[in-house]
Protein backbone atom coordinates (compact mmCIF):
# COMPACT_ATOMS: atom_id res chain seq x y z
CA UNK A 1 -43.97 138.13 -19.82
CA UNK A 2 -41.85 139.26 -17.04
CA UNK A 3 -41.40 143.08 -17.98
CA UNK A 4 -41.14 145.31 -15.06
CA UNK A 5 -43.71 148.05 -14.83
CA UNK A 6 -43.16 151.78 -14.19
CA UNK A 7 -44.85 152.67 -10.79
CA UNK A 8 -43.99 156.42 -10.67
CA UNK A 9 -43.57 159.34 -12.81
CA UNK A 10 -40.00 160.13 -11.79
CA UNK A 11 -37.25 159.89 -14.44
CA UNK A 12 -34.18 158.63 -12.49
CA UNK A 13 -31.81 155.83 -12.37
CA UNK A 14 -34.29 153.66 -10.92
CA UNK A 15 -36.35 154.16 -14.14
CA UNK A 16 -33.65 153.85 -16.55
CA UNK A 17 -32.67 150.78 -14.96
CA UNK A 18 -36.24 149.17 -15.15
CA UNK A 19 -36.22 150.11 -18.92
CA UNK A 20 -32.94 148.86 -19.37
CA UNK A 21 -33.95 145.35 -17.80
CA UNK A 22 -37.13 144.94 -19.94
CA UNK A 23 -34.89 145.53 -22.69
CA UNK A 24 -32.36 143.46 -21.72
CA UNK A 25 -35.42 140.80 -21.02
CA UNK A 26 -36.66 141.31 -24.75
CA UNK A 27 -33.78 141.06 -26.32
CA UNK A 28 -33.24 137.48 -24.70
CA UNK A 29 -36.69 136.66 -25.49
CA UNK A 30 -36.14 137.70 -28.92
CA UNK A 31 -33.06 135.70 -29.18
CA UNK A 32 -34.52 132.57 -27.61
CA UNK A 33 -37.48 133.20 -30.16
CA UNK A 34 -35.20 133.44 -33.13
CA UNK A 35 -33.25 130.20 -32.13
CA UNK A 36 -36.61 128.58 -31.65
CA UNK A 37 -37.69 129.42 -34.95
CA UNK A 38 -34.27 128.39 -36.68
CA UNK A 39 -34.93 124.87 -35.04
CA UNK A 40 -38.33 124.73 -36.34
CA UNK A 41 -37.35 125.67 -39.62
CA UNK A 42 -34.45 123.00 -39.62
CA UNK A 43 -37.48 120.55 -38.38
CA UNK A 44 -39.75 121.73 -41.10
CA UNK A 45 -36.69 121.42 -43.78
CA UNK A 46 -36.09 117.83 -42.21
CA UNK A 47 -39.88 116.66 -42.44
CA UNK A 48 -41.21 118.62 -45.51
CA UNK A 49 -39.17 118.99 -48.56
CA UNK A 50 -40.19 119.24 -52.26
CA UNK A 51 -38.36 117.15 -54.82
CA UNK A 52 -37.39 117.97 -57.94
CA UNK A 53 -39.17 116.97 -61.24
CA UNK A 54 -42.95 115.82 -61.23
CA UNK A 55 -42.14 113.99 -57.87
CA UNK A 56 -44.81 114.63 -55.25
CA UNK A 57 -43.90 116.01 -51.86
CA UNK A 58 -42.42 113.45 -49.21
CA UNK A 59 -41.41 112.87 -45.49
CA UNK A 60 -37.87 112.75 -45.27
CA UNK A 61 -37.87 110.52 -42.47
CA UNK A 62 -39.80 108.17 -44.54
CA UNK A 63 -36.24 107.91 -46.44
CA UNK A 64 -34.41 107.28 -43.44
CA UNK A 65 -33.81 103.79 -42.96
CA UNK A 66 -33.16 102.24 -39.17
CA UNK A 67 -29.09 102.53 -40.02
CA UNK A 68 -29.58 106.29 -40.62
CA UNK A 69 -29.11 106.10 -44.15
CA UNK A 70 -30.91 108.67 -46.06
CA UNK A 71 -32.41 108.29 -49.81
CA UNK A 72 -33.24 110.62 -52.30
CA UNK A 73 -36.51 109.33 -52.23
CA UNK A 74 -39.08 107.25 -50.58
CA UNK A 75 -39.22 104.92 -53.75
CA UNK A 76 -35.23 104.44 -53.44
CA UNK A 77 -35.72 103.70 -49.65
CA UNK A 78 -38.54 101.29 -50.00
CA UNK A 79 -36.67 99.52 -53.34
CA UNK A 80 -33.95 99.13 -51.37
CA UNK A 81 -35.68 97.50 -48.65
CA UNK A 82 -37.38 94.93 -50.89
CA UNK A 83 -34.10 94.49 -52.58
CA UNK A 84 -32.70 93.76 -49.13
CA UNK A 85 -35.84 91.10 -48.22
CA UNK A 86 -35.59 89.52 -51.79
CA UNK A 87 -32.00 88.61 -51.10
CA UNK A 88 -32.26 87.63 -47.48
CA UNK A 89 -35.47 85.38 -48.81
CA UNK A 90 -33.49 84.04 -51.60
CA UNK A 91 -30.38 83.15 -49.40
CA UNK A 92 -32.41 81.69 -46.80
CA UNK A 93 -34.68 79.75 -49.33
CA UNK A 94 -31.32 78.47 -51.04
CA UNK A 95 -29.82 77.56 -47.26
CA UNK A 96 -33.53 75.87 -46.56
CA UNK A 97 -33.14 73.81 -49.89
CA UNK A 98 -29.68 73.01 -49.41
CA UNK A 99 -30.54 71.79 -45.63
CA UNK A 100 -33.61 69.57 -47.38
CA UNK A 101 -30.92 68.46 -49.98
CA UNK A 102 -28.67 67.33 -47.11
CA UNK A 103 -31.60 65.59 -44.93
CA UNK A 104 -32.22 63.53 -48.25
CA UNK A 105 -28.77 62.82 -48.17
CA UNK A 106 -28.42 61.85 -45.06
CA UNK A 107 -31.52 59.61 -45.26
CA UNK A 108 -30.19 57.88 -48.16
CA UNK A 109 -27.02 57.33 -46.25
CA UNK A 110 -29.11 55.82 -43.16
CA UNK A 111 -30.93 53.96 -45.58
CA UNK A 112 -27.93 52.77 -47.19
CA UNK A 113 -26.45 51.91 -43.67
CA UNK A 114 -29.46 50.15 -42.25
CA UNK A 115 -31.67 48.87 -44.93
CA UNK A 116 -35.09 48.26 -44.89
CA UNK A 117 -36.08 46.80 -41.35
CA UNK A 118 -36.92 43.02 -41.57
CA UNK A 119 -37.49 42.99 -45.34
CA UNK A 120 -35.91 40.16 -47.66
CA UNK A 121 -33.75 41.47 -50.24
CA UNK A 122 -33.40 39.74 -53.48
CA UNK A 123 -30.62 40.56 -56.37
CA UNK A 124 -30.41 38.84 -59.53
CA UNK A 125 -27.42 38.70 -61.94
CA UNK A 126 -27.13 37.31 -65.07
CA UNK A 127 -24.94 37.19 -68.07
CA UNK A 128 -27.59 39.46 -70.08
CA UNK A 129 -27.46 42.04 -67.35
CA UNK A 130 -25.68 45.40 -66.74
CA UNK A 131 -23.88 47.00 -64.22
CA UNK A 132 -24.84 50.55 -65.55
CA UNK A 133 -28.49 50.36 -66.42
CA UNK A 134 -29.50 47.31 -63.93
CA UNK A 135 -31.10 47.55 -60.59
CA UNK A 136 -30.92 43.98 -59.85
CA UNK A 137 -34.45 43.26 -60.08
CA UNK A 138 -35.31 39.98 -62.13
CA UNK A 139 -36.25 41.50 -65.10
CA UNK A 140 -33.30 44.03 -64.90
CA UNK A 141 -30.28 42.04 -63.13
CA UNK A 142 -26.75 42.79 -62.92
CA UNK A 143 -24.16 41.80 -65.00
CA UNK A 144 -21.57 41.03 -62.03
CA UNK A 145 -21.96 39.30 -58.81
CA UNK A 146 -19.87 42.11 -57.50
CA UNK A 147 -22.23 45.00 -58.57
CA UNK A 148 -25.22 43.02 -56.77
CA UNK A 149 -23.12 42.60 -53.56
CA UNK A 150 -22.09 46.47 -53.94
CA UNK A 151 -26.10 47.15 -53.31
CA UNK A 152 -26.21 45.23 -49.64
CA UNK A 153 -26.70 47.69 -47.22
CA UNK A 154 -23.93 47.95 -44.87
CA UNK A 155 -25.78 47.34 -41.81
CA UNK A 156 -29.41 45.52 -42.40
CA UNK A 157 -31.69 43.43 -40.66
CA UNK A 158 -32.72 41.94 -44.16
CA UNK A 159 -32.05 38.44 -45.28
CA UNK A 160 -30.24 39.12 -48.61
CA UNK A 161 -30.13 36.57 -51.34
CA UNK A 162 -28.18 37.29 -54.51
CA UNK A 163 -29.47 34.70 -57.52
CA UNK A 164 -26.71 33.81 -60.01
CA UNK A 165 -28.17 32.72 -63.38
CA UNK A 166 -25.92 30.19 -65.47
CA UNK A 167 -22.69 31.18 -66.77
CA UNK A 168 -19.21 31.47 -66.02
CA UNK A 169 -18.33 34.76 -63.45
CA UNK A 170 -14.47 34.93 -63.36
CA UNK A 171 -14.93 37.69 -60.52
CA UNK A 172 -12.85 37.56 -57.07
CA UNK A 173 -15.95 38.49 -55.15
CA UNK A 174 -15.59 40.27 -52.13
CA UNK A 175 -17.97 41.10 -49.45
CA UNK A 176 -16.77 43.59 -46.59
CA UNK A 177 -17.54 44.78 -43.55
CA UNK A 178 -21.51 43.95 -44.06
CA UNK A 179 -23.62 43.15 -41.13
CA UNK A 180 -26.84 41.42 -42.21
CA UNK A 181 -29.17 38.71 -40.98
CA UNK A 182 -28.05 36.67 -43.61
CA UNK A 183 -26.17 36.91 -47.22
CA UNK A 184 -26.65 34.01 -49.46
CA UNK A 185 -25.21 33.70 -52.83
CA UNK A 186 -26.67 31.00 -54.92
CA UNK A 187 -27.34 29.42 -58.17
CA UNK A 188 -31.00 30.09 -59.54
CA UNK A 189 -30.92 26.47 -60.30
CA UNK A 190 -31.44 23.59 -57.36
CA UNK A 191 -28.27 21.64 -57.17
CA UNK A 192 -28.20 17.86 -55.78
CA UNK A 193 -25.41 16.47 -57.88
CA UNK A 194 -22.09 17.71 -57.50
CA UNK A 195 -20.24 14.82 -59.06
CA UNK A 196 -20.77 16.58 -62.86
CA UNK A 197 -20.32 20.12 -63.87
CA UNK A 198 -22.52 22.92 -62.47
CA UNK A 199 -24.21 25.54 -64.44
CA UNK A 200 -22.67 28.73 -62.22
CA UNK A 201 -18.99 29.00 -62.43
CA UNK A 202 -17.18 31.68 -60.21
CA UNK A 203 -13.42 32.19 -59.28
CA UNK A 204 -13.64 33.12 -55.99
CA UNK A 205 -15.69 34.45 -52.85
CA UNK A 206 -14.44 36.25 -49.84
CA UNK A 207 -16.10 37.14 -46.92
CA UNK A 208 -14.15 39.87 -44.64
CA UNK A 209 -15.10 41.28 -41.57
CA UNK A 210 -18.76 40.69 -42.05
CA UNK A 211 -21.42 39.14 -39.44
CA UNK A 212 -24.49 37.26 -39.68
CA UNK A 213 -25.11 34.22 -41.41
CA UNK A 214 -23.43 33.74 -44.75
CA UNK A 215 -24.11 30.80 -47.63
CA UNK A 216 -22.64 29.77 -50.90
CA UNK A 217 -24.90 27.47 -52.71
CA UNK A 218 -24.86 25.51 -55.78
CA UNK A 219 -21.74 27.03 -57.27
CA UNK A 220 -18.69 25.76 -59.27
CA UNK A 221 -15.08 27.29 -58.74
CA UNK A 222 -13.00 27.51 -62.01
CA UNK A 223 -9.62 29.74 -62.95
CA UNK A 224 -7.72 29.03 -59.83
CA UNK A 225 -4.40 29.68 -60.97
CA UNK A 226 -5.97 33.25 -61.28
CA UNK A 227 -7.17 34.02 -57.91
CA UNK A 228 -5.92 37.56 -56.59
CA UNK A 229 -3.60 37.70 -53.73
CA UNK A 230 -0.78 35.55 -52.58
CA UNK A 231 -3.10 33.00 -50.61
CA UNK A 232 -5.36 31.61 -53.33
CA UNK A 233 -8.45 29.89 -52.08
CA UNK A 234 -11.72 29.69 -53.77
CA UNK A 235 -13.72 30.26 -50.36
CA UNK A 236 -12.16 32.75 -48.26
CA UNK A 237 -13.33 34.06 -44.38
CA UNK A 238 -11.75 36.21 -42.18
CA UNK A 239 -13.01 37.92 -38.91
CA UNK A 240 -16.65 36.64 -39.95
CA UNK A 241 -19.23 34.91 -38.61
CA UNK A 242 -20.70 30.98 -39.64
CA UNK A 243 -20.32 30.06 -43.29
CA UNK A 244 -22.21 27.64 -44.59
CA UNK A 245 -21.11 25.91 -48.11
CA UNK A 246 -23.51 23.78 -49.61
CA UNK A 247 -23.80 21.79 -53.12
CA UNK A 248 -20.59 23.29 -54.37
CA UNK A 249 -18.05 21.65 -56.74
CA UNK A 250 -14.16 22.01 -56.63
CA UNK A 251 -12.98 20.24 -59.83
CA UNK A 252 -10.07 22.20 -61.47
CA UNK A 253 -6.91 20.61 -60.40
CA UNK A 254 -4.88 22.35 -58.18
CA UNK A 255 -2.83 19.21 -56.93
CA UNK A 256 0.63 20.08 -55.96
CA UNK A 257 -0.13 23.88 -55.78
CA UNK A 258 -0.79 26.19 -52.87
CA UNK A 259 -4.39 26.31 -53.17
CA UNK A 260 -7.25 26.10 -50.72
CA UNK A 261 -10.84 25.05 -51.39
CA UNK A 262 -11.83 26.67 -48.25
CA UNK A 263 -9.77 28.84 -45.48
CA UNK A 264 -11.04 30.09 -42.44
CA UNK A 265 -9.07 32.60 -40.05
CA UNK A 266 -9.55 34.84 -37.33
CA UNK A 267 -12.23 33.23 -35.67
CA UNK A 268 -14.28 32.38 -38.53
CA UNK A 269 -16.40 29.20 -39.00
CA UNK A 270 -17.24 27.49 -42.16
CA UNK A 271 -19.26 24.33 -42.30
CA UNK A 272 -20.02 22.25 -45.46
CA UNK A 273 -22.88 19.95 -46.67
CA UNK A 274 -22.71 17.84 -49.96
CA UNK A 275 -19.53 19.22 -51.80
CA UNK A 276 -17.01 17.61 -54.30
CA UNK A 277 -13.30 17.84 -54.23
CA UNK A 278 -11.29 16.65 -56.95
CA UNK A 279 -7.32 16.48 -57.23
CA UNK A 280 -7.21 19.47 -55.19
CA UNK A 281 -4.02 20.48 -53.31
CA UNK A 282 -5.93 21.15 -49.69
CA UNK A 283 -9.80 20.61 -48.89
CA UNK A 284 -10.33 22.82 -46.04
CA UNK A 285 -7.73 24.83 -43.46
CA UNK A 286 -8.61 26.51 -40.21
CA UNK A 287 -5.99 29.28 -39.17
CA UNK A 288 -5.92 31.39 -35.92
CA UNK A 289 -8.76 30.13 -33.89
CA UNK A 290 -10.92 29.58 -37.04
CA UNK A 291 -13.08 26.42 -37.24
CA UNK A 292 -14.13 24.52 -40.28
CA UNK A 293 -16.28 21.18 -40.18
CA UNK A 294 -16.07 18.79 -43.07
CA UNK A 295 -19.53 16.72 -43.46
CA UNK A 296 -19.66 13.26 -44.05
CA UNK A 297 -21.77 14.00 -47.14
CA UNK A 298 -18.91 15.80 -48.88
CA UNK A 299 -17.10 13.71 -51.02
CA UNK A 300 -14.24 13.24 -53.61
CA UNK A 301 -11.14 11.58 -54.32
CA UNK A 302 -7.48 12.45 -55.63
CA UNK A 303 -7.11 15.35 -52.84
CA UNK A 304 -3.18 15.64 -51.30
CA UNK A 305 -3.92 17.27 -48.22
CA UNK A 306 -7.65 16.78 -46.54
CA UNK A 307 -7.90 19.43 -43.39
CA UNK A 308 -5.15 21.52 -41.85
CA UNK A 309 -5.36 22.79 -38.46
CA UNK A 310 -2.71 25.58 -38.15
CA UNK A 311 -3.82 27.34 -34.80
CA UNK A 312 -7.48 26.24 -35.54
CA UNK A 313 -9.75 23.60 -35.12
CA UNK A 314 -10.73 21.34 -38.13
CA UNK A 315 -13.05 18.60 -37.81
CA UNK A 316 -14.08 15.50 -40.26
CA UNK A 317 -15.34 12.52 -39.45
CA UNK A 318 -12.68 10.07 -40.92
CA UNK A 319 -14.61 7.02 -40.25
CA UNK A 320 -16.80 6.20 -43.29
CA UNK A 321 -15.73 9.76 -45.17
CA UNK A 322 -16.63 9.59 -48.73
CA UNK A 323 -13.69 12.28 -48.87
CA UNK A 324 -10.36 10.90 -49.85
CA UNK A 325 -6.70 12.49 -49.20
CA UNK A 326 -3.25 11.53 -48.85
CA UNK A 327 -3.18 13.46 -45.76
CA UNK A 328 -6.70 13.42 -44.24
CA UNK A 329 -5.70 15.76 -41.41
CA UNK A 330 -2.88 17.29 -40.24
CA UNK A 331 -2.17 19.70 -37.28
CA UNK A 332 0.30 22.53 -37.35
CA UNK A 333 1.55 24.67 -34.30
CA UNK A 334 -1.22 24.58 -31.80
CA UNK A 335 -4.11 23.41 -33.93
CA UNK A 336 -6.47 20.95 -33.08
CA UNK A 337 -8.07 18.13 -35.27
CA UNK A 338 -11.44 16.47 -34.41
CA UNK A 339 -12.14 13.40 -36.30
CA UNK A 340 -14.61 11.55 -33.89
CA UNK A 341 -13.62 7.87 -32.82
CA UNK A 342 -11.35 6.19 -35.83
CA UNK A 343 -12.17 2.38 -35.36
CA UNK A 344 -9.99 -0.53 -37.56
CA UNK A 345 -10.54 -3.91 -37.00
CA UNK A 346 -7.78 -6.20 -36.43
CA UNK A 347 -7.75 -9.42 -38.60
CA UNK A 348 -5.70 -12.26 -39.58
CA UNK A 349 -4.13 -9.85 -42.09
CA UNK A 350 -2.36 -7.87 -39.62
CA UNK A 351 -0.52 -10.80 -38.29
CA UNK A 352 3.20 -10.65 -37.73
CA UNK A 353 4.22 -14.23 -36.98
CA UNK A 354 1.94 -16.17 -39.45
CA UNK A 355 3.79 -19.55 -38.65
CA UNK A 356 2.92 -19.56 -34.61
CA UNK A 357 0.07 -16.56 -34.30
CA UNK A 358 -3.62 -17.60 -35.52
CA UNK A 359 -6.88 -16.36 -35.24
CA UNK A 360 -6.54 -13.01 -34.52
CA UNK A 361 -9.47 -10.72 -34.15
CA UNK A 362 -10.52 -7.44 -32.32
CA UNK A 363 -10.50 -3.61 -32.61
CA UNK A 364 -8.49 -0.60 -32.43
CA UNK A 365 -9.58 2.80 -31.67
CA UNK A 366 -8.02 6.52 -31.82
CA UNK A 367 -9.66 9.45 -30.68
CA UNK A 368 -7.64 12.34 -31.29
CA UNK A 369 -3.87 11.32 -30.23
CA UNK A 370 -5.07 8.22 -27.66
CA UNK A 371 -5.21 4.91 -28.95
CA UNK A 372 -6.82 2.12 -27.49
CA UNK A 373 -6.39 -1.98 -28.62
CA UNK A 374 -8.52 -5.06 -27.87
CA UNK A 375 -7.61 -8.03 -29.44
CA UNK A 376 -8.05 -11.87 -28.99
CA UNK A 377 -5.26 -14.25 -30.64
CA UNK A 378 -4.34 -17.95 -30.46
CA UNK A 379 -0.91 -19.53 -30.13
CA UNK A 380 0.12 -23.35 -29.38
CA UNK A 381 3.78 -22.86 -29.99
CA UNK A 382 5.20 -20.44 -27.55
CA UNK A 383 8.88 -20.84 -26.57
CA UNK A 384 10.07 -22.79 -23.71
CA UNK A 385 12.31 -19.74 -22.66
CA UNK A 386 10.25 -17.32 -20.99
CA UNK A 387 12.36 -14.43 -21.92
CA UNK A 388 11.57 -14.95 -25.77
CA UNK A 389 7.97 -13.57 -26.83
CA UNK A 390 5.86 -13.83 -30.24
CA UNK A 391 5.49 -11.34 -32.36
CA UNK A 392 1.55 -10.97 -32.60
CA UNK A 393 0.70 -7.91 -34.92
CA UNK A 394 2.04 -4.60 -36.36
CA UNK A 395 0.35 -1.83 -35.48
CA UNK A 396 -1.04 -0.11 -38.70
CA UNK A 397 0.15 3.41 -39.41
CA UNK A 398 -2.23 6.26 -38.15
CA UNK A 399 -2.33 3.92 -34.64
CA UNK A 400 1.50 3.46 -34.12
CA UNK A 401 2.79 4.83 -30.72
CA UNK A 402 4.83 7.85 -29.92
CA UNK A 403 8.48 7.31 -30.77
CA UNK A 404 9.68 9.66 -27.95
CA UNK A 405 8.21 6.92 -25.25
CA UNK A 406 10.33 4.40 -23.80
CA UNK A 407 11.24 1.40 -25.72
CA UNK A 408 8.77 -1.22 -24.23
CA UNK A 409 5.19 -0.14 -23.45
CA UNK A 410 3.73 -2.25 -21.19
CA UNK A 411 -0.03 -4.10 -22.10
CA UNK A 412 -2.53 -6.02 -20.19
CA UNK A 413 -2.76 -9.91 -21.04
CA UNK A 414 -5.54 -12.15 -19.82
CA UNK A 415 -6.35 -15.74 -20.64
CA UNK A 416 -8.87 -18.13 -19.78
CA UNK A 417 -6.19 -20.67 -18.45
CA UNK A 418 -3.54 -20.24 -15.76
CA UNK A 419 -1.33 -18.05 -17.15
CA UNK A 420 2.36 -19.58 -16.97
CA UNK A 421 5.15 -17.53 -15.04
CA UNK A 422 6.42 -14.51 -17.04
CA UNK A 423 3.62 -14.33 -19.01
CA UNK A 424 3.34 -10.82 -20.31
CA UNK A 425 2.49 -8.46 -23.47
CA UNK A 426 3.80 -4.98 -24.78
CA UNK A 427 4.28 -3.14 -27.59
CA UNK A 428 7.88 -2.36 -28.90
CA UNK A 429 9.23 0.91 -30.01
CA UNK A 430 8.73 -0.32 -33.61
CA UNK A 431 4.94 -0.72 -32.54
CA UNK A 432 4.62 -4.38 -32.62
CA UNK A 433 2.69 -6.45 -30.36
CA UNK A 434 4.59 -9.10 -28.73
CA UNK A 435 3.34 -11.48 -25.90
CA UNK A 436 4.57 -14.87 -23.78
CA UNK A 437 1.77 -16.43 -22.69
CA UNK A 438 0.23 -20.21 -22.47
CA UNK A 439 -0.59 -22.12 -25.30
CA UNK A 440 -4.10 -21.07 -26.70
CA UNK A 441 -6.27 -18.12 -26.76
CA UNK A 442 -5.27 -14.87 -25.07
CA UNK A 443 -6.59 -11.10 -24.69
CA UNK A 444 -4.38 -8.10 -24.82
CA UNK A 445 -5.65 -4.66 -24.27
CA UNK A 446 -4.09 -1.75 -23.51
CA UNK A 447 -3.52 2.50 -24.50
CA UNK A 448 -1.03 4.59 -25.73
CA UNK A 449 -0.43 7.97 -27.74
CA UNK A 450 0.23 8.56 -30.94
CA UNK A 451 1.68 11.48 -33.38
CA UNK A 452 0.76 9.81 -36.52
CA UNK A 453 -1.32 11.66 -38.95
CA UNK A 454 -4.67 11.08 -39.06
CA UNK A 455 -5.39 7.59 -40.92
CA UNK A 456 -7.76 7.08 -44.00
CA UNK A 457 -10.16 3.95 -42.94
């Protein structure tokens, strides 16, 4: 304490002042002690408080959470904390479960998109199957071809084969936006003879914007009048890859209608092997940069159009072909028809002047629109006037000259003996080979351009 002591016995103002100073000091000290006492009591009140009832005493600080909320009891604060923890835990657990579900769904989606790497995927279809309970296995097949197609991953490295059981499937099957190493739709039965009815019958099959090797094998196409869409095609390929059509039969009459057996457009490619076409309006059409090749193993009769190239390319080997059509090949717009060499023998049956021309033999050949002829003939009765000629042969249809060329097209003339003055050969506007030469054997050769339809040989 800092009280000042009395240093003498004098009772004077100095003593009074000292006394008063001591009193002031003590009063201030008492005041400070009183304030500290109140603060201590307040702190004690805040630390230790008795609860009502039978509850034990508890520390109030333990009833205050981090946000400063005061709970009536420690139990209530702990209960609130537990409830908050449980709520947060439940929410986190639910969120984790949802994320796991999303991950599982993502894995399924990736599986749907990608498929199993490099595996072979076999799907089965049968008239005894079910699209609801079937899973596409051999024991539990689908009922429809489309249901099997819908199981193919959008993007897969698998080789997919859909095995179709015997029966009639009046479906317009559509394979859209699929990318696989290969997709094959085929009969479960092996087919070699396509001249008689097949056991698997389908209305139509379309490949649209699908990539990879594609094949349709051992299927007969029926119900052609009810194909959906304006362009009625048994097999349709648009913006797709290479499609092989093997061992199929097109025998439901479409002659005189607008149907096509095969139709490719937008860069698609179709190749055939061992198919049969009977009384069809058009066997195949290639449009807009598409390419179709009709294999020599194909056969058929009673067809109107063979192949049509409409801004596309159509290929058919005419010579020796077993496919018969009124118009075997036709070019439209900027299309291109590739037929290979078409060679026809020229014989006495082609003679124009049978009274004076004999022993005609040789060949006429067409490649694209270019025609080449080489023949030998005999004439022993030329007119005396060199300005006149003999009619040797009439060029057969499919090889005749383009009428837009000049009226007379010169050809080369050769004979073993000396040629007389004025000897010559040529092709008239009517595509008749004429010549003036010396009596005996002569040879004629030459080349010209034709606009004739592709001939049927």
